[in-house]
N, C-alpha and C. Protein backbone atom coordinates (compact mmCIF):
# COMPACT_ATOMS: atom_id res chain seq x y z
N MET A 1 16.32 51.28 -93.75
CA MET A 1 16.16 50.37 -92.63
C MET A 1 17.44 50.27 -91.80
N ASP A 2 18.60 50.18 -92.49
CA ASP A 2 19.87 50.10 -91.77
C ASP A 2 20.16 51.37 -90.98
N LEU A 3 19.78 52.54 -91.53
CA LEU A 3 19.99 53.78 -90.82
C LEU A 3 19.20 53.80 -89.52
N LYS A 4 17.95 53.34 -89.61
CA LYS A 4 17.11 53.29 -88.41
C LYS A 4 17.70 52.34 -87.38
N ARG A 5 18.13 51.18 -87.85
CA ARG A 5 18.71 50.19 -86.94
C ARG A 5 20.00 50.72 -86.32
N ASN A 6 20.82 51.38 -87.14
CA ASN A 6 22.06 51.94 -86.64
C ASN A 6 21.81 53.01 -85.59
N LYS A 7 20.86 53.89 -85.83
CA LYS A 7 20.55 54.94 -84.86
C LYS A 7 20.01 54.33 -83.57
N ARG A 8 19.14 53.32 -83.71
CA ARG A 8 18.61 52.64 -82.53
C ARG A 8 19.75 52.00 -81.73
N GLU A 9 20.68 51.36 -82.44
CA GLU A 9 21.82 50.71 -81.79
C GLU A 9 22.74 51.74 -81.13
N GLN A 10 22.93 52.88 -81.80
CA GLN A 10 23.76 53.94 -81.21
C GLN A 10 23.14 54.42 -79.89
N ILE A 11 21.83 54.62 -79.91
CA ILE A 11 21.14 55.07 -78.70
C ILE A 11 21.29 54.02 -77.61
N LEU A 12 21.07 52.77 -77.96
CA LEU A 12 21.18 51.67 -77.00
C LEU A 12 22.60 51.59 -76.43
N GLU A 13 23.60 51.73 -77.28
CA GLU A 13 25.01 51.68 -76.83
C GLU A 13 25.32 52.80 -75.85
N LYS A 14 24.96 54.02 -76.23
CA LYS A 14 25.26 55.17 -75.37
C LYS A 14 24.48 55.11 -74.07
N ALA A 15 23.22 54.68 -74.14
CA ALA A 15 22.43 54.54 -72.92
C ALA A 15 23.07 53.50 -72.00
N THR A 16 23.51 52.39 -72.57
CA THR A 16 24.17 51.35 -71.78
C THR A 16 25.41 51.91 -71.10
N GLU A 17 26.25 52.60 -71.88
CA GLU A 17 27.47 53.19 -71.31
C GLU A 17 27.14 54.12 -70.14
N LEU A 18 26.18 55.00 -70.35
CA LEU A 18 25.83 55.97 -69.30
C LEU A 18 25.19 55.29 -68.10
N PHE A 19 24.26 54.37 -68.32
CA PHE A 19 23.62 53.66 -67.21
C PHE A 19 24.66 52.90 -66.39
N PHE A 20 25.58 52.24 -67.09
CA PHE A 20 26.61 51.46 -66.39
C PHE A 20 27.57 52.37 -65.62
N ALA A 21 27.90 53.53 -66.19
CA ALA A 21 28.86 54.43 -65.56
C ALA A 21 28.26 55.22 -64.40
N ARG A 22 27.00 55.66 -64.55
CA ARG A 22 26.43 56.57 -63.56
C ARG A 22 25.21 56.04 -62.83
N GLY A 23 24.67 54.90 -63.29
CA GLY A 23 23.44 54.40 -62.70
C GLY A 23 22.25 54.91 -63.48
N VAL A 24 21.16 54.19 -63.40
CA VAL A 24 19.95 54.53 -64.14
C VAL A 24 19.35 55.84 -63.64
N ALA A 25 19.28 56.00 -62.33
CA ALA A 25 18.61 57.16 -61.75
C ALA A 25 19.30 58.48 -62.10
N ASP A 26 20.62 58.46 -62.29
CA ASP A 26 21.37 59.69 -62.54
C ASP A 26 21.53 60.03 -64.01
N VAL A 27 20.89 59.29 -64.90
CA VAL A 27 21.01 59.55 -66.33
C VAL A 27 19.64 59.98 -66.86
N SER A 28 19.63 61.12 -67.53
CA SER A 28 18.37 61.61 -68.12
C SER A 28 18.37 61.33 -69.62
N MET A 29 17.22 61.47 -70.21
CA MET A 29 17.11 61.33 -71.66
C MET A 29 17.93 62.42 -72.35
N ASP A 30 18.03 63.60 -71.73
CA ASP A 30 18.88 64.67 -72.28
C ASP A 30 20.34 64.24 -72.31
N ASP A 31 20.79 63.57 -71.25
CA ASP A 31 22.17 63.07 -71.20
C ASP A 31 22.43 62.09 -72.35
N ILE A 32 21.48 61.21 -72.58
CA ILE A 32 21.63 60.21 -73.63
C ILE A 32 21.63 60.89 -75.00
N ALA A 33 20.72 61.85 -75.19
CA ALA A 33 20.65 62.57 -76.46
C ALA A 33 21.98 63.28 -76.75
N ALA A 34 22.56 63.89 -75.74
CA ALA A 34 23.84 64.58 -75.93
C ALA A 34 24.97 63.60 -76.25
N ALA A 35 24.94 62.44 -75.67
CA ALA A 35 26.00 61.45 -75.87
C ALA A 35 25.93 60.79 -77.24
N VAL A 36 24.74 60.68 -77.83
CA VAL A 36 24.60 59.91 -79.08
C VAL A 36 25.37 60.54 -80.26
N PRO A 37 25.28 61.74 -80.66
CA PRO A 37 24.29 62.79 -80.44
C PRO A 37 23.04 62.57 -81.30
N ALA A 38 21.92 62.94 -80.71
CA ALA A 38 20.63 62.85 -81.38
C ALA A 38 19.65 63.76 -80.65
N ALA A 39 18.60 64.11 -81.34
CA ALA A 39 17.54 64.88 -80.70
C ALA A 39 16.81 63.97 -79.72
N LYS A 40 16.35 64.54 -78.64
CA LYS A 40 15.62 63.75 -77.65
C LYS A 40 14.39 63.11 -78.29
N MET A 41 13.77 63.81 -79.25
CA MET A 41 12.61 63.25 -79.96
C MET A 41 12.98 61.96 -80.69
N THR A 42 14.20 61.90 -81.19
CA THR A 42 14.66 60.69 -81.89
C THR A 42 14.71 59.51 -80.93
N ILE A 43 15.19 59.76 -79.73
CA ILE A 43 15.25 58.68 -78.73
C ILE A 43 13.84 58.20 -78.41
N TYR A 44 12.93 59.15 -78.22
CA TYR A 44 11.54 58.77 -77.92
C TYR A 44 10.88 58.06 -79.10
N LYS A 45 11.31 58.37 -80.31
CA LYS A 45 10.77 57.68 -81.49
C LYS A 45 11.07 56.18 -81.41
N TYR A 46 12.26 55.83 -80.94
CA TYR A 46 12.66 54.43 -80.89
C TYR A 46 12.26 53.74 -79.59
N PHE A 47 12.22 54.48 -78.49
CA PHE A 47 12.01 53.82 -77.19
C PHE A 47 10.81 54.34 -76.39
N GLN A 48 10.15 55.37 -76.81
CA GLN A 48 8.93 55.93 -76.22
C GLN A 48 9.09 56.46 -74.79
N SER A 49 9.96 55.87 -73.97
CA SER A 49 10.15 56.33 -72.59
C SER A 49 11.48 55.81 -72.05
N LYS A 50 11.90 56.39 -70.96
CA LYS A 50 13.13 55.92 -70.31
C LYS A 50 12.95 54.48 -69.83
N ASP A 51 11.75 54.15 -69.35
CA ASP A 51 11.47 52.78 -68.91
C ASP A 51 11.74 51.79 -70.04
N ARG A 52 11.27 52.11 -71.23
CA ARG A 52 11.47 51.20 -72.37
C ARG A 52 12.94 51.12 -72.77
N LEU A 53 13.64 52.22 -72.63
CA LEU A 53 15.07 52.21 -72.95
C LEU A 53 15.83 51.35 -71.93
N VAL A 54 15.53 51.50 -70.67
CA VAL A 54 16.15 50.65 -69.64
C VAL A 54 15.80 49.19 -69.92
N GLY A 55 14.55 48.93 -70.26
CA GLY A 55 14.13 47.57 -70.60
C GLY A 55 14.91 47.00 -71.77
N ALA A 56 15.14 47.83 -72.79
CA ALA A 56 15.89 47.37 -73.97
C ALA A 56 17.33 47.06 -73.60
N VAL A 57 17.93 47.87 -72.73
CA VAL A 57 19.31 47.61 -72.28
C VAL A 57 19.36 46.29 -71.51
N MET A 58 18.42 46.09 -70.61
CA MET A 58 18.41 44.85 -69.82
C MET A 58 18.10 43.63 -70.69
N GLU A 59 17.16 43.78 -71.61
CA GLU A 59 16.81 42.67 -72.50
C GLU A 59 18.00 42.28 -73.37
N ARG A 60 18.69 43.27 -73.89
CA ARG A 60 19.86 42.98 -74.72
C ARG A 60 20.92 42.22 -73.92
N TYR A 61 21.12 42.64 -72.68
CA TYR A 61 22.09 41.94 -71.83
C TYR A 61 21.67 40.49 -71.62
N VAL A 62 20.40 40.24 -71.32
CA VAL A 62 19.92 38.88 -71.08
C VAL A 62 20.05 38.04 -72.35
N ARG A 63 19.72 38.60 -73.49
CA ARG A 63 19.86 37.86 -74.75
C ARG A 63 21.34 37.53 -75.04
N GLU A 64 22.22 38.48 -74.74
CA GLU A 64 23.65 38.22 -74.91
C GLU A 64 24.10 37.09 -73.98
N GLN A 65 23.60 37.10 -72.75
CA GLN A 65 23.93 36.03 -71.81
C GLN A 65 23.42 34.68 -72.31
N HIS A 66 22.25 34.68 -72.93
CA HIS A 66 21.69 33.45 -73.48
C HIS A 66 22.58 32.94 -74.62
N GLU A 67 23.05 33.85 -75.47
CA GLU A 67 23.97 33.45 -76.55
C GLU A 67 25.27 32.89 -75.98
N ILE A 68 25.79 33.52 -74.94
CA ILE A 68 27.01 33.03 -74.29
C ILE A 68 26.76 31.65 -73.71
N MET A 69 25.59 31.46 -73.08
CA MET A 69 25.24 30.16 -72.51
C MET A 69 25.22 29.09 -73.60
N ASN A 70 24.60 29.40 -74.73
CA ASN A 70 24.55 28.44 -75.84
C ASN A 70 25.95 28.08 -76.33
N ARG A 71 26.81 29.08 -76.43
CA ARG A 71 28.18 28.85 -76.88
C ARG A 71 28.94 27.97 -75.87
N LYS A 72 28.74 28.25 -74.58
CA LYS A 72 29.43 27.47 -73.56
C LYS A 72 28.96 26.01 -73.57
N ILE A 73 27.68 25.79 -73.82
CA ILE A 73 27.16 24.42 -73.90
C ILE A 73 27.82 23.70 -75.06
N GLU A 74 27.90 24.36 -76.20
CA GLU A 74 28.50 23.74 -77.40
C GLU A 74 29.99 23.45 -77.21
N GLU A 75 30.70 24.33 -76.51
CA GLU A 75 32.15 24.22 -76.38
C GLU A 75 32.61 23.31 -75.25
N SER A 76 31.74 23.00 -74.32
CA SER A 76 32.14 22.22 -73.14
C SER A 76 32.23 20.74 -73.45
N PRO A 77 33.22 20.06 -72.86
CA PRO A 77 33.41 18.64 -73.14
C PRO A 77 32.33 17.74 -72.53
N ASP A 78 31.69 18.20 -71.46
CA ASP A 78 30.63 17.41 -70.84
C ASP A 78 29.64 18.35 -70.15
N THR A 79 28.57 17.78 -69.69
CA THR A 79 27.48 18.57 -69.13
C THR A 79 27.87 19.32 -67.86
N LEU A 80 28.57 18.66 -66.95
CA LEU A 80 28.94 19.32 -65.70
C LEU A 80 29.87 20.50 -65.97
N SER A 81 30.78 20.34 -66.92
CA SER A 81 31.65 21.44 -67.32
C SER A 81 30.83 22.58 -67.93
N ALA A 82 29.83 22.23 -68.72
CA ALA A 82 28.97 23.25 -69.32
C ALA A 82 28.23 24.04 -68.23
N LEU A 83 27.65 23.33 -67.26
CA LEU A 83 26.95 24.02 -66.17
C LEU A 83 27.91 24.88 -65.35
N ALA A 84 29.10 24.34 -65.07
CA ALA A 84 30.09 25.11 -64.31
C ALA A 84 30.45 26.38 -65.08
N SER A 85 30.61 26.26 -66.38
CA SER A 85 30.97 27.41 -67.20
C SER A 85 29.83 28.42 -67.27
N ILE A 86 28.61 27.94 -67.42
CA ILE A 86 27.45 28.84 -67.48
C ILE A 86 27.30 29.62 -66.18
N LEU A 87 27.54 28.96 -65.06
CA LEU A 87 27.36 29.61 -63.76
C LEU A 87 28.60 30.36 -63.29
N ASP A 88 29.65 30.38 -64.10
CA ASP A 88 30.88 31.06 -63.72
C ASP A 88 30.77 32.54 -64.05
N TYR A 89 30.38 33.32 -63.06
CA TYR A 89 30.16 34.75 -63.24
C TYR A 89 31.45 35.52 -63.43
N ARG A 90 32.59 34.89 -63.11
CA ARG A 90 33.88 35.58 -63.26
C ARG A 90 34.19 35.85 -64.72
N ASN A 91 33.65 35.04 -65.62
CA ASN A 91 33.95 35.20 -67.04
C ASN A 91 32.82 35.87 -67.83
N MET A 92 31.87 36.43 -67.13
CA MET A 92 30.76 37.11 -67.79
C MET A 92 31.09 38.59 -67.94
N PRO A 93 30.49 39.24 -68.93
CA PRO A 93 30.68 40.69 -69.04
C PRO A 93 30.22 41.36 -67.74
N VAL A 94 30.98 42.33 -67.32
CA VAL A 94 30.71 42.99 -66.05
C VAL A 94 29.55 43.97 -66.20
N VAL A 95 28.56 43.79 -65.36
CA VAL A 95 27.46 44.74 -65.26
C VAL A 95 27.56 45.35 -63.87
N PRO A 96 27.71 46.67 -63.79
CA PRO A 96 27.88 47.30 -62.48
C PRO A 96 26.73 46.99 -61.53
N GLU A 97 27.10 46.73 -60.29
CA GLU A 97 26.08 46.41 -59.27
C GLU A 97 25.05 47.52 -59.14
N ARG A 98 25.49 48.75 -59.24
CA ARG A 98 24.55 49.87 -59.11
C ARG A 98 23.45 49.77 -60.17
N PHE A 99 23.84 49.45 -61.41
CA PHE A 99 22.85 49.30 -62.47
C PHE A 99 21.87 48.18 -62.14
N ILE A 100 22.38 47.06 -61.69
CA ILE A 100 21.52 45.91 -61.34
C ILE A 100 20.56 46.29 -60.22
N ARG A 101 21.10 46.85 -59.17
CA ARG A 101 20.27 47.19 -58.00
C ARG A 101 19.19 48.22 -58.35
N GLU A 102 19.58 49.27 -59.05
CA GLU A 102 18.61 50.31 -59.41
C GLU A 102 17.56 49.77 -60.37
N SER A 103 17.98 48.95 -61.30
CA SER A 103 17.02 48.39 -62.27
C SER A 103 15.98 47.53 -61.57
N LEU A 104 16.44 46.69 -60.64
CA LEU A 104 15.50 45.83 -59.91
C LEU A 104 14.55 46.65 -59.05
N GLU A 105 15.08 47.70 -58.44
CA GLU A 105 14.26 48.51 -57.55
C GLU A 105 13.31 49.44 -58.29
N LEU A 106 13.80 50.09 -59.34
CA LEU A 106 13.02 51.12 -60.02
C LEU A 106 12.13 50.58 -61.14
N TYR A 107 12.45 49.38 -61.64
CA TYR A 107 11.74 48.85 -62.80
C TYR A 107 11.29 47.40 -62.57
N PRO A 108 10.40 47.19 -61.62
CA PRO A 108 9.98 45.81 -61.31
C PRO A 108 9.29 45.10 -62.47
N GLN A 109 8.61 45.83 -63.34
CA GLN A 109 7.95 45.17 -64.48
C GLN A 109 8.98 44.64 -65.47
N ILE A 110 10.05 45.40 -65.67
CA ILE A 110 11.11 44.94 -66.56
C ILE A 110 11.74 43.68 -65.99
N THR A 111 11.97 43.67 -64.70
CA THR A 111 12.52 42.47 -64.04
C THR A 111 11.59 41.29 -64.25
N ALA A 112 10.30 41.51 -64.08
CA ALA A 112 9.32 40.42 -64.29
C ALA A 112 9.37 39.93 -65.73
N ASP A 113 9.52 40.85 -66.68
CA ASP A 113 9.61 40.45 -68.09
C ASP A 113 10.86 39.62 -68.35
N LEU A 114 11.98 39.99 -67.74
CA LEU A 114 13.22 39.24 -67.93
C LEU A 114 13.13 37.85 -67.29
N LEU A 115 12.49 37.76 -66.15
CA LEU A 115 12.29 36.45 -65.53
C LEU A 115 11.39 35.58 -66.40
N HIS A 116 10.43 36.21 -67.06
CA HIS A 116 9.57 35.48 -68.00
C HIS A 116 10.40 34.98 -69.19
N TYR A 117 11.30 35.80 -69.69
CA TYR A 117 12.19 35.37 -70.78
C TYR A 117 13.00 34.15 -70.34
N TYR A 118 13.53 34.21 -69.14
CA TYR A 118 14.29 33.08 -68.60
C TYR A 118 13.43 31.81 -68.61
N ARG A 119 12.21 31.91 -68.10
CA ARG A 119 11.33 30.73 -68.05
C ARG A 119 10.99 30.22 -69.44
N GLU A 120 10.76 31.13 -70.36
CA GLU A 120 10.35 30.75 -71.71
C GLU A 120 11.49 30.23 -72.58
N HIS A 121 12.68 30.77 -72.40
CA HIS A 121 13.76 30.47 -73.35
C HIS A 121 14.93 29.67 -72.77
N MET A 122 15.13 29.72 -71.47
CA MET A 122 16.31 29.10 -70.91
C MET A 122 16.00 27.93 -69.97
N HIS A 123 14.86 27.97 -69.35
CA HIS A 123 14.48 26.97 -68.36
C HIS A 123 14.56 25.55 -68.92
N ASP A 124 13.86 25.29 -70.02
CA ASP A 124 13.84 23.94 -70.61
C ASP A 124 15.22 23.52 -71.09
N GLN A 125 15.95 24.47 -71.62
CA GLN A 125 17.30 24.18 -72.10
C GLN A 125 18.20 23.72 -70.95
N LEU A 126 18.12 24.40 -69.81
CA LEU A 126 18.92 24.00 -68.65
C LEU A 126 18.45 22.65 -68.09
N ARG A 127 17.13 22.46 -68.08
CA ARG A 127 16.60 21.17 -67.60
C ARG A 127 17.11 20.03 -68.49
N ASP A 128 17.09 20.23 -69.81
CA ASP A 128 17.59 19.21 -70.73
C ASP A 128 19.08 18.95 -70.51
N LEU A 129 19.81 19.99 -70.16
CA LEU A 129 21.24 19.84 -69.87
C LEU A 129 21.44 18.98 -68.62
N ILE A 130 20.60 19.19 -67.62
CA ILE A 130 20.67 18.38 -66.40
C ILE A 130 20.35 16.92 -66.71
N VAL A 131 19.32 16.69 -67.50
CA VAL A 131 18.96 15.31 -67.89
C VAL A 131 20.13 14.66 -68.62
N ARG A 132 20.74 15.40 -69.53
CA ARG A 132 21.90 14.87 -70.26
C ARG A 132 23.04 14.52 -69.30
N GLY A 133 23.25 15.38 -68.30
CA GLY A 133 24.29 15.13 -67.31
C GLY A 133 24.00 13.88 -66.49
N GLN A 134 22.72 13.64 -66.21
CA GLN A 134 22.35 12.42 -65.50
C GLN A 134 22.63 11.19 -66.37
N GLU A 135 22.33 11.31 -67.65
CA GLU A 135 22.59 10.19 -68.57
C GLU A 135 24.09 9.94 -68.70
N GLU A 136 24.90 11.01 -68.62
CA GLU A 136 26.35 10.87 -68.69
C GLU A 136 26.95 10.35 -67.38
N GLY A 137 26.15 10.42 -66.31
CA GLY A 137 26.64 9.98 -65.01
C GLY A 137 27.40 11.03 -64.22
N VAL A 138 27.36 12.31 -64.68
CA VAL A 138 28.07 13.36 -63.96
C VAL A 138 27.16 14.16 -63.02
N ILE A 139 25.86 13.94 -63.15
CA ILE A 139 24.88 14.58 -62.25
C ILE A 139 24.10 13.47 -61.57
N ARG A 140 23.89 13.65 -60.27
CA ARG A 140 23.22 12.62 -59.46
C ARG A 140 21.85 12.28 -60.06
N LYS A 141 21.63 10.99 -60.27
CA LYS A 141 20.41 10.52 -60.92
C LYS A 141 19.18 10.58 -60.03
N GLU A 142 19.39 10.59 -58.71
CA GLU A 142 18.23 10.60 -57.81
C GLU A 142 17.58 11.98 -57.71
N LEU A 143 18.19 13.00 -58.30
CA LEU A 143 17.64 14.35 -58.27
C LEU A 143 16.68 14.54 -59.44
N SER A 144 15.54 15.11 -59.16
CA SER A 144 14.56 15.40 -60.21
C SER A 144 14.97 16.65 -60.98
N PRO A 145 15.14 16.54 -62.29
CA PRO A 145 15.47 17.74 -63.08
C PRO A 145 14.42 18.83 -62.93
N HIS A 146 13.16 18.42 -62.83
CA HIS A 146 12.09 19.41 -62.66
C HIS A 146 12.26 20.17 -61.34
N ILE A 147 12.53 19.44 -60.27
CA ILE A 147 12.69 20.10 -58.96
C ILE A 147 13.94 20.96 -58.94
N LEU A 148 15.00 20.52 -59.60
CA LEU A 148 16.21 21.36 -59.69
C LEU A 148 15.90 22.68 -60.40
N MET A 149 15.09 22.61 -61.45
CA MET A 149 14.75 23.83 -62.17
C MET A 149 13.83 24.73 -61.34
N VAL A 150 12.93 24.13 -60.59
CA VAL A 150 12.08 24.93 -59.69
C VAL A 150 12.96 25.62 -58.66
N TYR A 151 13.96 24.89 -58.15
CA TYR A 151 14.90 25.45 -57.19
C TYR A 151 15.67 26.63 -57.80
N MET A 152 16.24 26.42 -58.99
CA MET A 152 17.01 27.49 -59.65
C MET A 152 16.13 28.70 -59.93
N GLN A 153 14.92 28.46 -60.39
CA GLN A 153 14.00 29.56 -60.67
C GLN A 153 13.64 30.29 -59.39
N GLY A 154 13.38 29.53 -58.33
CA GLY A 154 13.04 30.14 -57.05
C GLY A 154 14.18 31.01 -56.51
N VAL A 155 15.40 30.51 -56.60
CA VAL A 155 16.56 31.27 -56.15
C VAL A 155 16.71 32.54 -56.99
N THR A 156 16.56 32.40 -58.31
CA THR A 156 16.68 33.56 -59.20
C THR A 156 15.63 34.61 -58.85
N GLU A 157 14.39 34.19 -58.69
CA GLU A 157 13.31 35.14 -58.37
C GLU A 157 13.49 35.75 -56.99
N PHE A 158 13.99 34.96 -56.04
CA PHE A 158 14.23 35.46 -54.69
C PHE A 158 15.27 36.58 -54.70
N PHE A 159 16.38 36.35 -55.41
CA PHE A 159 17.43 37.36 -55.44
C PHE A 159 17.13 38.51 -56.38
N ALA A 160 16.06 38.41 -57.16
CA ALA A 160 15.63 39.53 -58.00
C ALA A 160 14.80 40.53 -57.20
N ARG A 161 14.54 40.22 -55.95
CA ARG A 161 13.79 41.15 -55.09
C ARG A 161 14.76 42.18 -54.49
N PRO A 162 14.49 43.46 -54.66
CA PRO A 162 15.39 44.50 -54.13
C PRO A 162 15.63 44.39 -52.63
N ASP A 163 14.59 44.03 -51.85
CA ASP A 163 14.76 43.94 -50.40
C ASP A 163 15.72 42.82 -50.02
N VAL A 164 15.75 41.75 -50.79
CA VAL A 164 16.67 40.65 -50.53
C VAL A 164 18.07 41.03 -50.99
N LEU A 165 18.17 41.57 -52.18
CA LEU A 165 19.46 41.94 -52.74
C LEU A 165 20.18 42.97 -51.87
N ALA A 166 19.41 43.83 -51.21
CA ALA A 166 19.99 44.86 -50.36
C ALA A 166 20.80 44.27 -49.21
N GLN A 167 20.56 43.03 -48.87
CA GLN A 167 21.27 42.38 -47.76
C GLN A 167 22.68 41.95 -48.15
N PHE A 168 23.00 42.00 -49.43
CA PHE A 168 24.28 41.51 -49.92
C PHE A 168 25.07 42.66 -50.52
N HIS A 169 26.33 42.74 -50.15
CA HIS A 169 27.16 43.85 -50.62
C HIS A 169 27.98 43.50 -51.86
N ASP A 170 28.21 42.22 -52.11
CA ASP A 170 29.04 41.80 -53.23
C ASP A 170 28.28 40.77 -54.06
N LEU A 171 27.73 41.20 -55.18
CA LEU A 171 26.92 40.31 -56.00
C LEU A 171 27.75 39.23 -56.67
N ARG A 172 28.99 39.50 -56.98
CA ARG A 172 29.86 38.46 -57.57
C ARG A 172 30.10 37.34 -56.57
N LEU A 173 30.36 37.71 -55.33
CA LEU A 173 30.56 36.70 -54.28
C LEU A 173 29.28 35.88 -54.10
N LEU A 174 28.15 36.55 -54.13
CA LEU A 174 26.87 35.86 -54.02
C LEU A 174 26.72 34.85 -55.15
N GLY A 175 27.05 35.26 -56.38
CA GLY A 175 26.99 34.35 -57.52
C GLY A 175 27.92 33.17 -57.37
N GLU A 176 29.12 33.42 -56.88
CA GLU A 176 30.09 32.34 -56.68
C GLU A 176 29.61 31.35 -55.61
N GLN A 177 29.03 31.87 -54.55
CA GLN A 177 28.52 30.99 -53.49
C GLN A 177 27.40 30.11 -54.03
N PHE A 178 26.48 30.70 -54.79
CA PHE A 178 25.38 29.93 -55.37
C PHE A 178 25.93 28.87 -56.32
N ARG A 179 26.86 29.26 -57.15
CA ARG A 179 27.47 28.32 -58.12
C ARG A 179 28.09 27.13 -57.39
N THR A 180 28.87 27.40 -56.36
CA THR A 180 29.54 26.32 -55.62
C THR A 180 28.52 25.39 -54.97
N MET A 181 27.54 25.97 -54.29
CA MET A 181 26.53 25.13 -53.62
C MET A 181 25.75 24.30 -54.62
N PHE A 182 25.36 24.91 -55.73
CA PHE A 182 24.57 24.19 -56.72
C PHE A 182 25.38 23.07 -57.35
N LEU A 183 26.58 23.38 -57.83
CA LEU A 183 27.37 22.36 -58.53
C LEU A 183 27.78 21.22 -57.61
N TYR A 184 28.21 21.52 -56.40
CA TYR A 184 28.59 20.43 -55.50
C TYR A 184 27.38 19.64 -55.03
N GLY A 185 26.22 20.28 -55.06
CA GLY A 185 25.00 19.58 -54.67
C GLY A 185 24.48 18.61 -55.72
N ILE A 186 24.74 18.90 -56.99
CA ILE A 186 24.20 18.04 -58.05
C ILE A 186 25.23 17.09 -58.63
N ALA A 187 26.50 17.38 -58.44
CA ALA A 187 27.54 16.55 -59.06
C ALA A 187 27.53 15.15 -58.46
N ALA A 188 27.69 14.17 -59.34
CA ALA A 188 27.84 12.80 -58.88
C ALA A 188 29.10 12.75 -58.01
N PRO A 189 29.11 11.94 -56.94
CA PRO A 189 30.24 11.92 -56.00
C PRO A 189 31.62 11.81 -56.65
N ASN A 190 31.75 11.04 -57.70
CA ASN A 190 33.07 10.89 -58.32
C ASN A 190 33.48 12.14 -59.12
N ASP A 191 32.58 13.09 -59.33
CA ASP A 191 32.90 14.31 -60.07
C ASP A 191 33.11 15.52 -59.15
N TRP A 192 33.01 15.35 -57.86
CA TRP A 192 33.15 16.48 -56.94
C TRP A 192 34.52 17.12 -57.02
N SER A 193 35.54 16.30 -57.17
CA SER A 193 36.89 16.86 -57.19
C SER A 193 37.24 17.50 -58.52
N ALA A 194 36.45 17.24 -59.54
CA ALA A 194 36.76 17.77 -60.87
C ALA A 194 36.35 19.22 -61.05
N GLN A 195 35.46 19.72 -60.21
CA GLN A 195 34.95 21.08 -60.38
C GLN A 195 35.52 22.00 -59.32
N PRO A 196 35.80 23.26 -59.71
CA PRO A 196 36.34 24.24 -58.75
C PRO A 196 35.32 24.62 -57.70
């Protein structure tokens, strides 16, 4: 069992490296097989297709981000700090823009699956964090946590569209702008100066 898991992980690691370095479109299953090294049949045994391999790379990244989010919530002194830390893209592992753009454009079903993961696993957790922040007095109480989550989900789904994303040249700057607008919009007035 460990050998199978190790080989699967090796394939996933090498595929991630190649996709991040060259983009999804420019990497073939032959390239991945040579990098592992493994027979191409072995890769298909674990992932059945390039689509599934790309999906596994993206899913792993999202799960890692979820783990980082959980850690940031636990380590933060208060809710607003936790949200600021979660939305701080400067401290996240770097995923090349080319990989993001190509994945959204070439694999819309995978994107839909990842958005579903967000709704199923992270949505309620973030809403609960907002409620806690309201109870602490660091998030404006007149804002509906449900509507804030609908807003965040809508923004996420909007920017997951390739035609929208194509309008922006710097995804990190886009993330920073969203972070600033969101945090300053929800922070209680006395907490505005506390956040970057």
